[in-house]
Every structure is written in structure tokens, then in C-alpha cells.
């Protein structure tokens, strides 16, 4: 199902962000600046990226 993977890096601090966006980052496993996680390319992950994309760098 999720054979494609996305490499996601937190590049902007979530300190002043909307609380819901902070929770989204936590759910993705992004807790510190410049931390990188690898997640499957699913519609749920794409939705999370769409919500907090302004703080992320995404590589296919």
C-alpha cells in the first residue's frame, strides 16, 4: 500500500504555531527542529503535510 516513502524534515519552529498544528507535528513524530522522519505516502500523511507544509521540507 505505502510502497513510496516521504522524507519529511521540520525546518521552521512550531513555537508560534496554531496549537492544532503543533499536535499534527507531534503525531508525525517531528518534535525538534531539523528532525527528519520517513513516512509512507498515504492520503492521511499527505493531509498532514498539506496542513503544516509551511513548516516542512518534503522529499519524495
N, C-alpha and C. Protein backbone atom coordinates (compact mmCIF):
# COMPACT_ATOMS: atom_id res chain seq x y z
N UNK A 1 0.83 -1.20 0.00
CA UNK A 1 0.00 0.00 0.00
C UNK A 1 0.87 1.26 0.00
N UNK A 2 1.71 1.40 1.03
CA UNK A 2 2.57 2.58 1.12
C UNK A 2 3.98 2.20 0.69
N UNK A 3 4.13 1.79 -0.57
CA UNK A 3 5.46 1.39 -1.03
C UNK A 3 6.34 2.61 -1.28
N UNK A 4 5.74 3.79 -1.55
CA UNK A 4 6.52 5.01 -1.69
C UNK A 4 6.68 5.64 -0.32
N UNK A 5 7.87 6.17 -0.06
CA UNK A 5 8.13 6.79 1.23
C UNK A 5 8.45 8.28 1.03
N UNK A 6 8.12 9.07 2.03
CA UNK A 6 8.40 10.50 2.02
C UNK A 6 9.35 10.82 3.16
N UNK A 7 10.38 11.61 2.86
CA UNK A 7 11.34 12.05 3.87
C UNK A 7 10.93 13.47 4.26
N UNK A 8 10.51 13.64 5.52
CA UNK A 8 9.95 14.91 5.97
C UNK A 8 10.84 15.50 7.07
N UNK A 9 11.24 16.77 6.89
CA UNK A 9 12.11 17.45 7.84
C UNK A 9 11.43 18.71 8.36
N UNK A 10 11.50 18.93 9.67
CA UNK A 10 10.95 20.14 10.28
C UNK A 10 11.98 21.26 10.14
N UNK A 11 11.63 22.32 9.39
CA UNK A 11 12.59 23.40 9.13
C UNK A 11 12.18 24.73 9.76
N UNK A 12 10.96 24.83 10.28
CA UNK A 12 10.51 26.07 10.92
C UNK A 12 10.00 25.72 12.32
N UNK A 13 10.34 26.55 13.28
CA UNK A 13 9.96 26.28 14.67
C UNK A 13 8.44 26.39 14.85
N UNK A 14 7.85 25.42 15.56
CA UNK A 14 6.41 25.47 15.81
C UNK A 14 6.03 26.29 17.04
N UNK A 15 6.95 27.10 17.58
CA UNK A 15 6.69 27.83 18.82
C UNK A 15 5.47 28.76 18.69
N UNK A 16 5.37 29.51 17.62
CA UNK A 16 4.24 30.44 17.49
C UNK A 16 3.09 29.87 16.68
N UNK A 17 3.11 28.59 16.41
CA UNK A 17 2.11 27.98 15.53
C UNK A 17 0.79 27.73 16.25
N UNK A 18 -0.25 27.51 15.46
CA UNK A 18 -1.57 27.16 15.97
C UNK A 18 -1.44 25.84 16.77
N UNK A 19 -2.08 25.74 17.93
CA UNK A 19 -1.97 24.51 18.74
C UNK A 19 -2.31 23.23 17.96
N UNK A 20 -3.29 23.29 17.08
CA UNK A 20 -3.65 22.11 16.29
C UNK A 20 -2.49 21.69 15.39
N UNK A 21 -1.75 22.66 14.87
CA UNK A 21 -0.60 22.35 14.01
C UNK A 21 0.52 21.73 14.82
N UNK A 22 0.71 22.18 16.05
CA UNK A 22 1.72 21.58 16.93
C UNK A 22 1.41 20.11 17.17
N UNK A 23 0.12 19.81 17.42
CA UNK A 23 -0.30 18.43 17.67
C UNK A 23 -0.09 17.58 16.42
N UNK A 24 -0.33 18.15 15.24
CA UNK A 24 -0.12 17.43 13.99
C UNK A 24 1.35 17.06 13.83
N UNK A 25 2.25 18.00 14.12
CA UNK A 25 3.69 17.73 14.03
C UNK A 25 4.09 16.63 15.02
N UNK A 26 3.54 16.69 16.23
CA UNK A 26 3.83 15.66 17.24
C UNK A 26 3.38 14.29 16.75
N UNK A 27 2.20 14.24 16.14
CA UNK A 27 1.66 12.98 15.64
C UNK A 27 2.53 12.41 14.52
N UNK A 28 3.18 13.30 13.77
CA UNK A 28 4.07 12.86 12.69
C UNK A 28 5.43 12.43 13.23
N UNK A 29 5.70 12.71 14.51
CA UNK A 29 6.98 12.35 15.10
C UNK A 29 8.02 13.44 14.98
N UNK A 30 7.59 14.66 14.63
CA UNK A 30 8.52 15.78 14.49
C UNK A 30 8.47 16.62 15.75
N UNK A 31 9.43 16.40 16.64
CA UNK A 31 9.41 17.08 17.93
C UNK A 31 10.49 18.16 18.05
N UNK A 32 11.53 18.09 17.24
CA UNK A 32 12.61 19.07 17.33
C UNK A 32 12.95 19.60 15.95
N UNK A 33 13.55 20.77 15.93
CA UNK A 33 13.98 21.39 14.67
C UNK A 33 14.98 20.49 13.94
N UNK A 34 14.88 20.44 12.65
CA UNK A 34 15.77 19.70 11.75
C UNK A 34 15.71 18.19 11.95
N UNK A 35 14.69 17.71 12.65
CA UNK A 35 14.49 16.27 12.79
C UNK A 35 13.84 15.77 11.51
N UNK A 36 14.27 14.60 11.05
CA UNK A 36 13.74 14.01 9.83
C UNK A 36 13.08 12.69 10.15
N UNK A 37 11.89 12.47 9.58
CA UNK A 37 11.19 11.20 9.71
C UNK A 37 10.86 10.69 8.32
N UNK A 38 10.73 9.39 8.19
CA UNK A 38 10.34 8.77 6.93
C UNK A 38 8.97 8.14 7.14
N UNK A 39 8.00 8.61 6.38
CA UNK A 39 6.63 8.12 6.50
C UNK A 39 6.15 7.62 5.15
N UNK A 40 5.21 6.68 5.18
CA UNK A 40 4.63 6.17 3.95
C UNK A 40 3.80 7.22 3.25
N UNK A 41 3.74 7.15 1.92
CA UNK A 41 3.00 8.12 1.12
C UNK A 41 1.52 7.70 1.07
N UNK A 42 0.79 8.08 2.13
CA UNK A 42 -0.63 7.73 2.22
C UNK A 42 -1.46 9.01 2.19
N UNK A 43 -2.76 8.90 1.90
CA UNK A 43 -3.61 10.10 1.92
C UNK A 43 -3.62 10.80 3.28
N UNK A 44 -3.53 10.04 4.38
CA UNK A 44 -3.52 10.65 5.72
C UNK A 44 -2.27 11.51 5.91
N UNK A 45 -1.12 10.98 5.50
CA UNK A 45 0.14 11.72 5.65
C UNK A 45 0.13 12.93 4.73
N UNK A 46 -0.40 12.78 3.52
CA UNK A 46 -0.50 13.92 2.59
C UNK A 46 -1.36 15.03 3.18
N UNK A 47 -2.43 14.65 3.88
CA UNK A 47 -3.29 15.64 4.53
C UNK A 47 -2.56 16.38 5.63
N UNK A 48 -1.76 15.65 6.41
CA UNK A 48 -0.97 16.28 7.47
C UNK A 48 0.04 17.25 6.86
N UNK A 49 0.68 16.84 5.77
CA UNK A 49 1.66 17.70 5.11
C UNK A 49 0.99 18.95 4.57
N UNK A 50 -0.22 18.80 4.03
CA UNK A 50 -0.96 19.95 3.50
C UNK A 50 -1.27 20.94 4.61
N UNK A 51 -1.57 20.43 5.81
CA UNK A 51 -1.93 21.29 6.93
C UNK A 51 -0.74 22.07 7.47
N UNK A 52 0.41 21.43 7.61
CA UNK A 52 1.57 22.09 8.23
C UNK A 52 2.75 22.19 7.27
N UNK A 53 2.48 22.19 5.99
CA UNK A 53 3.52 22.22 4.97
C UNK A 53 4.44 23.42 5.03
N UNK A 54 3.93 24.52 5.58
CA UNK A 54 4.73 25.74 5.66
C UNK A 54 5.91 25.61 6.63
N UNK A 55 5.91 24.53 7.44
CA UNK A 55 7.00 24.32 8.39
C UNK A 55 7.90 23.15 7.98
N UNK A 56 7.59 22.51 6.86
CA UNK A 56 8.27 21.28 6.50
C UNK A 56 9.05 21.38 5.19
N UNK A 57 10.02 20.46 5.05
CA UNK A 57 10.67 20.22 3.76
C UNK A 57 10.39 18.75 3.45
N UNK A 58 9.78 18.50 2.29
CA UNK A 58 9.38 17.14 1.94
C UNK A 58 10.16 16.68 0.72
N UNK A 59 10.73 15.48 0.81
CA UNK A 59 11.44 14.87 -0.32
C UNK A 59 10.78 13.54 -0.64
N UNK A 60 10.62 13.26 -1.92
CA UNK A 60 9.99 12.01 -2.36
C UNK A 60 10.96 10.85 -2.17
